[in-house]
PDB file of N, CA and C in Angstrom:
ATOM      1  N   MET A   1      94.269  86.571 183.304  1.00  0.00           N
ATOM      2  CA  MET A   1      94.855  85.305 183.708  1.00  0.00           C
ATOM      3  C   MET A   1      95.637  84.672 182.553  1.00  0.00           C
ATOM      4  N   ALA A   2      95.072  84.746 181.344  1.00  0.00           N
ATOM      5  CA  ALA A   2      95.746  84.145 180.191  1.00  0.00           C
ATOM      6  C   ALA A   2      97.069  84.836 179.920  1.00  0.00           C
ATOM      7  N   LEU A   3      97.126  86.148 180.107  1.00  0.00           N
ATOM      8  CA  LEU A   3      98.375  86.872 179.888  1.00  0.00           C
ATOM      9  C   LEU A   3      99.425  86.491 180.927  1.00  0.00           C
ATOM     10  N   ALA A   4      98.994  86.232 182.150  1.00  0.00           N
ATOM     11  CA  ALA A   4      99.925  85.789 183.197  1.00  0.00           C
ATOM     12  C   ALA A   4     100.488  84.409 182.864  1.00  0.00           C
ATOM     13  N   VAL A   5      99.648  83.520 182.356  1.00  0.00           N
ATOM     14  CA  VAL A   5     100.109  82.192 181.951  1.00  0.00           C
ATOM     15  C   VAL A   5     101.100  82.321 180.797  1.00  0.00           C
ATOM     16  N   LYS A   6     100.796  83.183 179.863  1.00  0.00           N
ATOM     17  CA  LYS A   6     101.686  83.420 178.718  1.00  0.00           C
ATOM     18  C   LYS A   6     103.047  83.906 179.215  1.00  0.00           C
ATOM     19  N   PHE A   7     103.057  84.831 180.182  1.00  0.00           N
ATOM     20  CA  PHE A   7     104.317  85.335 180.722  1.00  0.00           C
ATOM     21  C   PHE A   7     105.105  84.229 181.430  1.00  0.00           C
ATOM     22  N   VAL A   8     104.439  83.449 182.248  1.00  0.00           N
ATOM     23  CA  VAL A   8     105.131  82.382 182.977  1.00  0.00           C
ATOM     24  C   VAL A   8     105.752  81.380 182.008  1.00  0.00           C
ATOM     25  N   LEU A   9     105.014  80.984 180.991  1.00  0.00           N
ATOM     26  CA  LEU A   9     105.559  80.051 179.997  1.00  0.00           C
ATOM     27  C   LEU A   9     106.753  80.670 179.267  1.00  0.00           C
ATOM     28  N   THR A  10     106.633  81.937 178.888  1.00  0.00           N
ATOM     29  CA  THR A  10     107.731  82.622 178.211  1.00  0.00           C
ATOM     30  C   THR A  10     108.944  82.713 179.121  1.00  0.00           C
ATOM     31  N   LEU A  11     108.731  82.996 180.392  1.00  0.00           N
ATOM     32  CA  LEU A  11     109.838  83.070 181.349  1.00  0.00           C
ATOM     33  C   LEU A  11     110.527  81.716 181.504  1.00  0.00           C
ATOM     34  N   ILE A  12     109.761  80.659 181.561  1.00  0.00           N
ATOM     35  CA  ILE A  12     110.350  79.313 181.673  1.00  0.00           C
ATOM     36  C   ILE A  12     111.194  79.009 180.445  1.00  0.00           C
ATOM     37  N   PHE A  13     110.665  79.288 179.258  1.00  0.00           N
ATOM     38  CA  PHE A  13     111.409  79.005 178.025  1.00  0.00           C
ATOM     39  C   PHE A  13     112.629  79.899 177.897  1.00  0.00           C
ATOM     40  N   ALA A  14     112.516  81.155 178.304  1.00  0.00           N
ATOM     41  CA  ALA A  14     113.666  82.053 178.284  1.00  0.00           C
ATOM     42  C   ALA A  14     114.722  81.569 179.270  1.00  0.00           C
ATOM     43  N   GLY A  15     114.284  81.074 180.414  1.00  0.00           N
ATOM     44  CA  GLY A  15     115.236  80.530 181.391  1.00  0.00           C
ATOM     45  C   GLY A  15     115.984  79.334 180.839  1.00  0.00           C
ATOM     46  N   VAL A  16     115.268  78.430 180.207  1.00  0.00           N
ATOM     47  CA  VAL A  16     115.908  77.250 179.625  1.00  0.00           C
ATOM     48  C   VAL A  16     116.885  77.667 178.533  1.00  0.00           C
ATOM     49  N   ALA A  17     116.432  78.499 177.611  1.00  0.00           N
ATOM     50  CA  ALA A  17     117.259  78.856 176.458  1.00  0.00           C
ATOM     51  C   ALA A  17     118.398  79.800 176.820  1.00  0.00           C
ATOM     52  N   PHE A  18     118.119  80.785 177.648  1.00  0.00           N
ATOM     53  CA  PHE A  18     119.113  81.831 177.857  1.00  0.00           C
ATOM     54  C   PHE A  18     119.879  81.724 179.167  1.00  0.00           C
ATOM     55  N   MET A  19     119.369  80.972 180.122  1.00  0.00           N
ATOM     56  CA  MET A  19     120.139  80.739 181.343  1.00  0.00           C
ATOM     57  C   MET A  19     120.918  79.430 181.231  1.00  0.00           C
ATOM     58  N   LEU A  20     120.219  78.357 180.889  1.00  0.00           N
ATOM     59  CA  LEU A  20     120.885  77.052 180.830  1.00  0.00           C
ATOM     60  C   LEU A  20     121.789  76.904 179.611  1.00  0.00           C
ATOM     61  N   VAL A  21     121.325  77.345 178.458  1.00  0.00           N
ATOM     62  CA  VAL A  21     122.111  77.171 177.229  1.00  0.00           C
ATOM     63  C   VAL A  21     123.139  78.278 177.058  1.00  0.00           C
ATOM     64  N   ALA A  22     122.717  79.545 177.253  1.00  0.00           N
ATOM     65  CA  ALA A  22     123.614  80.667 176.972  1.00  0.00           C
ATOM     66  C   ALA A  22     124.317  81.219 178.215  1.00  0.00           C
ATOM     67  N   GLY A  23     123.913  80.783 179.405  1.00  0.00           N
ATOM     68  CA  GLY A  23     124.618  81.167 180.625  1.00  0.00           C
ATOM     69  C   GLY A  23     124.331  82.557 181.157  1.00  0.00           C
ATOM     70  N   ASN A  24     123.159  83.103 180.897  1.00  0.00           N
ATOM     71  CA  ASN A  24     122.803  84.423 181.408  1.00  0.00           C
ATOM     72  C   ASN A  24     122.268  84.349 182.828  1.00  0.00           C
ATOM     73  N   SER A  25     122.256  85.498 183.496  1.00  0.00           N
ATOM     74  CA  SER A  25     121.677  85.565 184.836  1.00  0.00           C
ATOM     75  C   SER A  25     120.177  85.837 184.734  1.00  0.00           C
ATOM     76  N   LEU A  26     119.488  85.752 185.855  1.00  0.00           N
ATOM     77  CA  LEU A  26     118.029  85.847 185.881  1.00  0.00           C
ATOM     78  C   LEU A  26     117.513  87.227 185.486  1.00  0.00           C
ATOM     79  N   GLY A  27     118.164  88.290 185.905  1.00  0.00           N
ATOM     80  CA  GLY A  27     117.673  89.648 185.665  1.00  0.00           C
ATOM     81  C   GLY A  27     117.376  89.952 184.201  1.00  0.00           C
ATOM     82  N   PRO A  28     118.369  89.844 183.324  1.00  0.00           N
ATOM     83  CA  PRO A  28     118.100  90.119 181.909  1.00  0.00           C
ATOM     84  C   PRO A  28     117.103  89.141 181.287  1.00  0.00           C
ATOM     85  N   VAL A  29     117.072  87.924 181.772  1.00  0.00           N
ATOM     86  CA  VAL A  29     116.132  86.936 181.241  1.00  0.00           C
ATOM     87  C   VAL A  29     114.697  87.346 181.559  1.00  0.00           C
ATOM     88  N   VAL A  30     114.460  87.876 182.744  1.00  0.00           N
ATOM     89  CA  VAL A  30     113.122  88.348 183.112  1.00  0.00           C
ATOM     90  C   VAL A  30     112.730  89.532 182.230  1.00  0.00           C
ATOM     91  N   VAL A  31     113.667  90.449 181.998  1.00  0.00           N
ATOM     92  CA  VAL A  31     113.392  91.604 181.135  1.00  0.00           C
ATOM     93  C   VAL A  31     113.014  91.134 179.733  1.00  0.00           C
ATOM     94  N   VAL A  32     113.749  90.179 179.202  1.00  0.00           N
ATOM     95  CA  VAL A  32     113.465  89.644 177.867  1.00  0.00           C
ATOM     96  C   VAL A  32     112.111  88.941 177.855  1.00  0.00           C
ATOM     97  N   ALA A  33     111.810  88.186 178.890  1.00  0.00           N
ATOM     98  CA  ALA A  33     110.525  87.482 178.955  1.00  0.00           C
ATOM     99  C   ALA A  33     109.353  88.467 178.967  1.00  0.00           C
ATOM    100  N   VAL A  34     109.495  89.562 179.694  1.00  0.00           N
ATOM    101  CA  VAL A  34     108.442  90.585 179.714  1.00  0.00           C
ATOM    102  C   VAL A  34     108.281  91.188 178.322  1.00  0.00           C
ATOM    103  N   ALA A  35     109.405  91.552 177.693  1.00  0.00           N
ATOM    104  CA  ALA A  35     109.351  92.168 176.362  1.00  0.00           C
ATOM    105  C   ALA A  35     108.739  91.222 175.337  1.00  0.00           C
ATOM    106  N   VAL A  36     109.147  89.964 175.358  1.00  0.00           N
ATOM    107  CA  VAL A  36     108.616  88.985 174.400  1.00  0.00           C
ATOM    108  C   VAL A  36     107.132  88.750 174.648  1.00  0.00           C
ATOM    109  N   THR A  37     106.722  88.677 175.886  1.00  0.00           N
ATOM    110  CA  THR A  37     105.303  88.486 176.202  1.00  0.00           C
ATOM    111  C   THR A  37     104.462  89.634 175.662  1.00  0.00           C
ATOM    112  N   VAL A  38     104.913  90.852 175.876  1.00  0.00           N
ATOM    113  CA  VAL A  38     104.163  92.028 175.420  1.00  0.00           C
ATOM    114  C   VAL A  38     104.089  92.058 173.893  1.00  0.00           C
ATOM    115  N   VAL A  39     105.225  91.868 173.223  1.00  0.00           N
ATOM    116  CA  VAL A  39     105.243  91.910 171.758  1.00  0.00           C
ATOM    117  C   VAL A  39     104.404  90.782 171.177  1.00  0.00           C
ATOM    118  N   ASN A  40     104.569  89.575 171.695  1.00  0.00           N
ATOM    119  CA  ASN A  40     103.805  88.444 171.167  1.00  0.00           C
ATOM    120  C   ASN A  40     102.312  88.597 171.418  1.00  0.00           C
ATOM    121  N   TYR A  41     101.938  89.208 172.531  1.00  0.00           N
ATOM    122  CA  TYR A  41     100.513  89.425 172.782  1.00  0.00           C
ATOM    123  C   TYR A  41      99.952  90.474 171.820  1.00  0.00           C
ATOM    124  N   LEU A  42     100.620  91.618 171.742  1.00  0.00           N
ATOM    125  CA  LEU A  42     100.107  92.707 170.919  1.00  0.00           C
ATOM    126  C   LEU A  42     100.137  92.372 169.429  1.00  0.00           C
ATOM    127  N   VAL A  43     101.239  91.828 168.954  1.00  0.00           N
ATOM    128  CA  VAL A  43     101.368  91.548 167.521  1.00  0.00           C
ATOM    129  C   VAL A  43     100.775  90.180 167.174  1.00  0.00           C
ATOM    130  N   GLY A  44     101.140  89.163 167.940  1.00  0.00           N
ATOM    131  CA  GLY A  44     100.718  87.805 167.620  1.00  0.00           C
ATOM    132  C   GLY A  44      99.271  87.501 167.954  1.00  0.00           C
ATOM    133  N   ASP A  45      98.914  87.678 169.209  1.00  0.00           N
ATOM    134  CA  ASP A  45      97.574  87.285 169.654  1.00  0.00           C
ATOM    135  C   ASP A  45      96.481  88.233 169.161  1.00  0.00           C
ATOM    136  N   LEU A  46      96.768  89.528 169.155  1.00  0.00           N
ATOM    137  CA  LEU A  46      95.748  90.491 168.743  1.00  0.00           C
ATOM    138  C   LEU A  46      95.776  90.804 167.248  1.00  0.00           C
ATOM    139  N   GLY A  47      96.933  90.644 166.608  1.00  0.00           N
ATOM    140  CA  GLY A  47      97.045  90.976 165.191  1.00  0.00           C
ATOM    141  C   GLY A  47      97.071  89.781 164.268  1.00  0.00           C
ATOM    142  N   GLU A  48      98.066  88.929 164.434  1.00  0.00           N
ATOM    143  CA  GLU A  48      98.246  87.800 163.517  1.00  0.00           C
ATOM    144  C   GLU A  48      97.204  86.706 163.695  1.00  0.00           C
ATOM    145  N   LEU A  49      96.878  86.377 164.920  1.00  0.00           N
ATOM    146  CA  LEU A  49      95.956  85.262 165.168  1.00  0.00           C
ATOM    147  C   LEU A  49      94.593  85.461 164.494  1.00  0.00           C
ATOM    148  N   PRO A  50      93.932  86.592 164.671  1.00  0.00           N
ATOM    149  CA  PRO A  50      92.638  86.751 163.999  1.00  0.00           C
ATOM    150  C   PRO A  50      92.770  86.879 162.470  1.00  0.00           C
ATOM    151  N   SER A  51      93.880  87.431 162.007  1.00  0.00           N
ATOM    152  CA  SER A  51      94.032  87.688 160.572  1.00  0.00           C
ATOM    153  C   SER A  51      94.558  86.494 159.789  1.00  0.00           C
ATOM    154  N   TYR A  52      95.522  85.776 160.353  1.00  0.00           N
ATOM    155  CA  TYR A  52      96.221  84.725 159.602  1.00  0.00           C
ATOM    156  C   TYR A  52      96.004  83.316 160.130  1.00  0.00           C
ATOM    157  N   GLY A  53      95.414  83.184 161.297  1.00  0.00           N
ATOM    158  CA  GLY A  53      95.156  81.865 161.849  1.00  0.00           C
ATOM    159  C   GLY A  53      96.240  81.392 162.797  1.00  0.00           C
ATOM    160  N   ASN A  54      95.993  80.261 163.394  1.00  0.00           N
ATOM    161  CA  ASN A  54      96.818  79.748 164.473  1.00  0.00           C
ATOM    162  C   ASN A  54      98.233  79.381 164.044  1.00  0.00           C
ATOM    163  N   ILE A  55      98.383  78.667 162.963  1.00  0.00           N
ATOM    164  CA  ILE A  55      99.716  78.183 162.584  1.00  0.00           C
ATOM    165  C   ILE A  55     100.646  79.355 162.293  1.00  0.00           C
ATOM    166  N   TRP A  56     100.200  80.307 161.477  1.00  0.00           N
ATOM    167  CA  TRP A  56     101.060  81.443 161.144  1.00  0.00           C
ATOM    168  C   TRP A  56     101.330  82.313 162.356  1.00  0.00           C
ATOM    169  N   ALA A  57     100.344  82.464 163.231  1.00  0.00           N
ATOM    170  CA  ALA A  57     100.546  83.255 164.440  1.00  0.00           C
ATOM    171  C   ALA A  57     101.553  82.576 165.370  1.00  0.00           C
ATOM    172  N   ALA A  58     101.498  81.252 165.472  1.00  0.00           N
ATOM    173  CA  ALA A  58     102.454  80.528 166.315  1.00  0.00           C
ATOM    174  C   ALA A  58     103.868  80.638 165.753  1.00  0.00           C
ATOM    175  N   VAL A  59     104.006  80.470 164.456  1.00  0.00           N
ATOM    176  CA  VAL A  59     105.322  80.632 163.825  1.00  0.00           C
ATOM    177  C   VAL A  59     105.812  82.060 164.023  1.00  0.00           C
ATOM    178  N   GLY A  60     104.924  83.023 163.806  1.00  0.00           N
ATOM    179  CA  GLY A  60     105.290  84.424 164.005  1.00  0.00           C
ATOM    180  C   GLY A  60     105.709  84.725 165.427  1.00  0.00           C
ATOM    181  N   ASP A  61     105.029  84.141 166.397  1.00  0.00           N
ATOM    182  CA  ASP A  61     105.397  84.351 167.799  1.00  0.00           C
ATOM    183  C   ASP A  61     106.781  83.790 168.105  1.00  0.00           C
ATOM    184  N   GLY A  62     107.083  82.629 167.557  1.00  0.00           N
ATOM    185  CA  GLY A  62     108.418  82.065 167.768  1.00  0.00           C
ATOM    186  C   GLY A  62     109.500  82.929 167.154  1.00  0.00           C
ATOM    187  N   VAL A  63     109.278  83.366 165.929  1.00  0.00           N
ATOM    188  CA  VAL A  63     110.256  84.217 165.247  1.00  0.00           C
ATOM    189  C   VAL A  63     110.382  85.562 165.954  1.00  0.00           C
ATOM    190  N   MET A  64     109.245  86.157 166.332  1.00  0.00           N
ATOM    191  CA  MET A  64     109.293  87.440 167.041  1.00  0.00           C
ATOM    192  C   MET A  64     110.011  87.317 168.378  1.00  0.00           C
ATOM    193  N   GLY A  65     109.800  86.195 169.063  1.00  0.00           N
ATOM    194  CA  GLY A  65     110.499  85.987 170.325  1.00  0.00           C
ATOM    195  C   GLY A  65     112.007  85.957 170.134  1.00  0.00           C
ATOM    196  N   ALA A  66     112.458  85.298 169.073  1.00  0.00           N
ATOM    197  CA  ALA A  66     113.894  85.241 168.785  1.00  0.00           C
ATOM    198  C   ALA A  66     114.427  86.613 168.399  1.00  0.00           C
ATOM    199  N   ILE A  67     113.667  87.355 167.610  1.00  0.00           N
ATOM    200  CA  ILE A  67     114.111  88.685 167.193  1.00  0.00           C
ATOM    201  C   ILE A  67     114.187  89.643 168.382  1.00  0.00           C
ATOM    202  N   VAL A  68     113.165  89.633 169.224  1.00  0.00           N
ATOM    203  CA  VAL A  68     113.174  90.490 170.415  1.00  0.00           C
ATOM    204  C   VAL A  68     114.348  90.117 171.315  1.00  0.00           C
ATOM    205  N   SER A  69     114.626  88.834 171.454  1.00  0.00           N
ATOM    206  CA  SER A  69     115.749  88.389 172.281  1.00  0.00           C
ATOM    207  C   SER A  69     117.076  88.836 171.694  1.00  0.00           C
ATOM    208  N   TRP A  70     117.210  88.737 170.382  1.00  0.00           N
ATOM    209  CA  TRP A  70     118.435  89.170 169.716  1.00  0.00           C
ATOM    210  C   TRP A  70     118.631  90.682 169.875  1.00  0.00           C
ATOM    211  N   LEU A  71     117.539  91.443 169.718  1.00  0.00           N
ATOM    212  CA  LEU A  71     117.625  92.890 169.925  1.00  0.00           C
ATOM    213  C   LEU A  71     117.991  93.220 171.367  1.00  0.00           C
ATOM    214  N   ALA A  72     117.449  92.459 172.301  1.00  0.00           N
ATOM    215  CA  ALA A  72     117.790  92.671 173.709  1.00  0.00           C
ATOM    216  C   ALA A  72     119.273  92.425 173.948  1.00  0.00           C
ATOM    217  N   ALA A  73     119.836  91.430 173.260  1.00  0.00           N
ATOM    218  CA  ALA A  73     121.268  91.154 173.402  1.00  0.00           C
ATOM    219  C   ALA A  73     122.103  92.316 172.861  1.00  0.00           C
ATOM    220  N   LEU A  74     121.591  93.023 171.873  1.00  0.00           N
ATOM    221  CA  LEU A  74     122.301  94.191 171.354  1.00  0.00           C
ATOM    222  C   LEU A  74     122.217  95.377 172.313  1.00  0.00           C
ATOM    223  N   LEU A  75     121.105  95.470 173.045  1.00  0.00           N
ATOM    224  CA  LEU A  75     120.871  96.615 173.924  1.00  0.00           C
ATOM    225  C   LEU A  75     121.313  96.403 175.365  1.00  0.00           C
ATOM    226  N   ILE A  76     121.346  95.160 175.811  1.00  0.00           N
ATOM    227  CA  ILE A  76     121.706  94.851 177.202  1.00  0.00           C
ATOM    228  C   ILE A  76     123.066  94.159 177.194  1.00  0.00           C
ATOM    229  N   PRO A  77     124.113  94.847 177.629  1.00  0.00           N
ATOM    230  CA  PRO A  77     125.460  94.259 177.573  1.00  0.00           C
ATOM    231  C   PRO A  77     125.605  92.956 178.369  1.00  0.00           C
ATOM    232  N   ALA A  78     124.820  92.809 179.432  1.00  0.00           N
ATOM    233  CA  ALA A  78     124.935  91.615 180.271  1.00  0.00           C
ATOM    234  C   ALA A  78     124.152  90.425 179.725  1.00  0.00           C
ATOM    235  N   PHE A  79     123.455  90.602 178.615  1.00  0.00           N
ATOM    236  CA  PHE A  79     122.626  89.534 178.052  1.00  0.00           C
ATOM    237  C   PHE A  79     123.257  89.028 176.769  1.00  0.00           C
ATOM    238  N   LEU A  80     123.612  87.773 176.739  1.00  0.00           N
ATOM    239  CA  LEU A  80     124.244  87.160 175.579  1.00  0.00           C
ATOM    240  C   LEU A  80     123.370  86.042 175.038  1.00  0.00           C
ATOM    241  N   VAL A  81     123.333  85.925 173.720  1.00  0.00           N
ATOM    242  CA  VAL A  81     122.583  84.847 173.087  1.00  0.00           C
ATOM    243  C   VAL A  81     123.495  84.121 172.106  1.00  0.00           C
ATOM    244  N   THR A  82     123.127  82.886 171.847  1.00  0.00           N
ATOM    245  CA  THR A  82     123.794  82.110 170.807  1.00  0.00           C
ATOM    246  C   THR A  82     122.742  81.738 169.767  1.00  0.00           C
ATOM    247  N   LEU A  83     123.201  81.317 168.631  1.00  0.00           N
ATOM    248  CA  LEU A  83     122.248  80.888 167.603  1.00  0.00           C
ATOM    249  C   LEU A  83     121.405  79.717 168.122  1.00  0.00           C
ATOM    250  N   GLY A  84     122.033  78.817 168.863  1.00  0.00           N
ATOM    251  CA  GLY A  84     121.311  77.680 169.435  1.00  0.00           C
ATOM    252  C   GLY A  84     120.269  78.100 170.458  1.00  0.00           C
ATOM    253  N   SER A  85     120.614  79.068 171.314  1.00  0.00           N
ATOM    254  CA  SER A  85     119.649  79.511 172.327  1.00  0.00           C
ATOM    255  C   SER A  85     118.478  80.242 171.673  1.00  0.00           C
ATOM    256  N   LEU A  86     118.752  81.025 170.638  1.00  0.00           N
ATOM    257  CA  LEU A  86     117.666  81.704 169.923  1.00  0.00           C
ATOM    258  C   LEU A  86     116.756  80.704 169.227  1.00  0.00           C
ATOM    259  N   ALA A  87     117.354  79.696 168.583  1.00  0.00           N
ATOM    260  CA  ALA A  87     116.560  78.679 167.889  1.00  0.00           C
ATOM    261  C   ALA A  87     115.715  77.880 168.883  1.00  0.00           C
ATOM    262  N   LEU A  88     116.316  77.495 170.004  1.00  0.00           N
ATOM    263  CA  LEU A  88     115.584  76.748 171.024  1.00  0.00           C
ATOM    264  C   LEU A  88     114.414  77.570 171.561  1.00  0.00           C
ATOM    265  N   PHE A  89     114.669  78.832 171.857  1.00  0.00           N
ATOM    266  CA  PHE A  89     113.615  79.702 172.369  1.00  0.00           C
ATOM    267  C   PHE A  89     112.496  79.861 171.345  1.00  0.00           C
ATOM    268  N   ALA A  90     112.854  80.038 170.072  1.00  0.00           N
ATOM    269  CA  ALA A  90     111.847  80.194 169.018  1.00  0.00           C
ATOM    270  C   ALA A  90     110.986  78.944 168.891  1.00  0.00           C
ATOM    271  N   VAL A  91     111.601  77.780 168.917  1.00  0.00           N
ATOM    272  CA  VAL A  91     110.843  76.526 168.770  1.00  0.00           C
ATOM    273  C   VAL A  91     109.939  76.299 169.981  1.00  0.00           C
ATOM    274  N   LEU A  92     110.481  76.452 171.186  1.00  0.00           N
ATOM    275  CA  LEU A  92     109.663  76.263 172.394  1.00  0.00           C
ATOM    276  C   LEU A  92     108.495  77.242 172.423  1.00  0.00           C
ATOM    277  N   THR A  93     108.757  78.483 172.080  1.00  0.00           N
ATOM    278  CA  THR A  93     107.711  79.495 172.078  1.00  0.00           C
ATOM    279  C   THR A  93     106.656  79.197 171.009  1.00  0.00           C
ATOM    280  N   GLY A  94     107.095  78.888 169.802  1.00  0.00           N
ATOM    281  CA  GLY A  94     106.165  78.627 168.711  1.00  0.00           C
ATOM    282  C   GLY A  94     105.263  77.440 168.971  1.00  0.00           C
ATOM    283  N   VAL A  95     105.833  76.351 169.440  1.00  0.00           N
ATOM    284  CA  VAL A  95     105.030  75.148 169.714  1.00  0.00           C
ATOM    285  C   VAL A  95     104.019  75.417 170.818  1.00  0.00           C
ATOM    286  N   THR A  96     104.454  76.067 171.869  1.00  0.00           N
ATOM    287  CA  THR A  96     103.539  76.356 172.973  1.00  0.00           C
ATOM    288  C   THR A  96     102.465  77.347 172.557  1.00  0.00           C
ATOM    289  N   GLU A  97     102.836  78.338 171.768  1.00  0.00           N
ATOM    290  CA  GLU A  97     101.853  79.317 171.315  1.00  0.00           C
ATOM    291  C   GLU A  97     100.776  78.669 170.452  1.00  0.00           C
ATOM    292  N   PHE A  98     101.128  77.656 169.696  1.00  0.00           N
ATOM    293  CA  PHE A  98     100.128  76.949 168.896  1.00  0.00           C
ATOM    294  C   PHE A  98      99.002  76.439 169.796  1.00  0.00           C
ATOM    295  N   TYR A  99      99.356  75.802 170.906  1.00  0.00           N
ATOM    296  CA  TYR A  99      98.347  75.277 171.834  1.00  0.00           C
ATOM    297  C   TYR A  99      97.706  76.390 172.652  1.00  0.00           C
ATOM    298  N   PHE A 100      98.462  77.419 172.978  1.00  0.00           N
ATOM    299  CA  PHE A 100      97.918  78.547 173.711  1.00  0.00           C
ATOM    300  C   PHE A 100      96.868  79.273 172.874  1.00  0.00           C
ATOM    301  N   HIS A 101      97.124  79.429 171.587  1.00  0.00           N
ATOM    302  CA  HIS A 101      96.152  80.074 170.699  1.00  0.00           C
ATOM    303  C   HIS A 101      94.862  79.265 170.608  1.00  0.00           C
ATOM    304  N   ARG A 102      94.986  77.958 170.590  1.00  0.00           N
ATOM    305  CA  ARG A 102      93.783  77.113 170.556  1.00  0.00           C
ATOM    306  C   ARG A 102      92.928  77.374 171.794  1.00  0.00           C
ATOM    307  N   TYR A 103      93.586  77.517 172.941  1.00  0.00           N
ATOM    308  CA  TYR A 103      92.875  77.848 174.177  1.00  0.00           C
ATOM    309  C   TYR A 103      92.209  79.216 174.046  1.00  0.00           C
ATOM    310  N   LEU A 104      92.944  80.211 173.533  1.00  0.00           N
ATOM    311  CA  LEU A 104      92.379  81.560 173.392  1.00  0.00           C
ATOM    312  C   LEU A 104      91.144  81.565 172.504  1.00  0.00           C
ATOM    313  N   MET A 105      91.195  80.797 171.424  1.00  0.00           N
ATOM    314  CA  MET A 105      90.073  80.782 170.487  1.00  0.00           C
ATOM    315  C   MET A 105      88.857  80.046 171.046  1.00  0.00           C
ATOM    316  N   LYS A 106      89.068  79.095 171.952  1.00  0.00           N
ATOM    317  CA  LYS A 106      87.948  78.351 172.543  1.00  0.00           C
ATOM    318  C   LYS A 106      87.319  79.084 173.713  1.00  0.00           C
ATOM    319  N   ASP A 107      88.124  79.776 174.510  1.00  0.00           N
ATOM    320  CA  ASP A 107      87.645  80.417 175.725  1.00  0.00           C
ATOM    321  C   ASP A 107      86.875  81.681 175.387  1.00  0.00           C
ATOM    322  N   GLU A 108      85.644  81.757 175.814  1.00  0.00           N
ATOM    323  CA  GLU A 108      84.786  82.898 175.508  1.00  0.00           C
ATOM    324  C   GLU A 108      85.131  84.133 176.336  1.00  0.00           C
ATOM    325  N   LYS A 109      85.861  83.954 177.436  1.00  0.00           N
ATOM    326  CA  LYS A 109      86.193  85.074 178.293  1.00  0.00           C
ATOM    327  C   LYS A 109      87.488  85.770 177.871  1.00  0.00           C
ATOM    328  N   VAL A 110      88.217  85.210 176.923  1.00  0.00           N
ATOM    329  CA  VAL A 110      89.518  85.737 176.539  1.00  0.00           C
ATOM    330  C   VAL A 110      89.431  86.330 175.141  1.00  0.00           C
ATOM    331  N   ALA A 111      90.022  87.517 174.988  1.00  0.00           N
ATOM    332  CA  ALA A 111      90.116  88.132 173.650  1.00  0.00           C
ATOM    333  C   ALA A 111      91.398  87.626 172.995  1.00  0.00           C
ATOM    334  N   PRO A 112      91.470  87.448 171.735  1.00  0.00           N
ATOM    335  CA  PRO A 112      90.547  87.879 170.706  1.00  0.00           C
ATOM    336  C   PRO A 112      89.417  86.893 170.530  1.00  0.00           C
TER     337      PRO A 112
END
């Protein structure tokens, strides 16, 4: 359930940053949201969060989200990003991940 919530939040932020700001269509935005969710879960939630704590993991998730989005723009011709859309996505993701990590650490049913 927590991973589904993480995906929905990432999709909303990707929609705001990459559809409203950068003018992309829904298809590539969904692909990017899936990729960012997977990377942020595997690297951020399972790796950085237990090792470095909430603040660094949240910052890392925001930066990783921007990097994955930028790489997606290089690989998907129909997906365009701007510096502003990447920055907006990174900030929205990082701030939300800070609170999401707090939930993960409190909930006994959720790993890590």
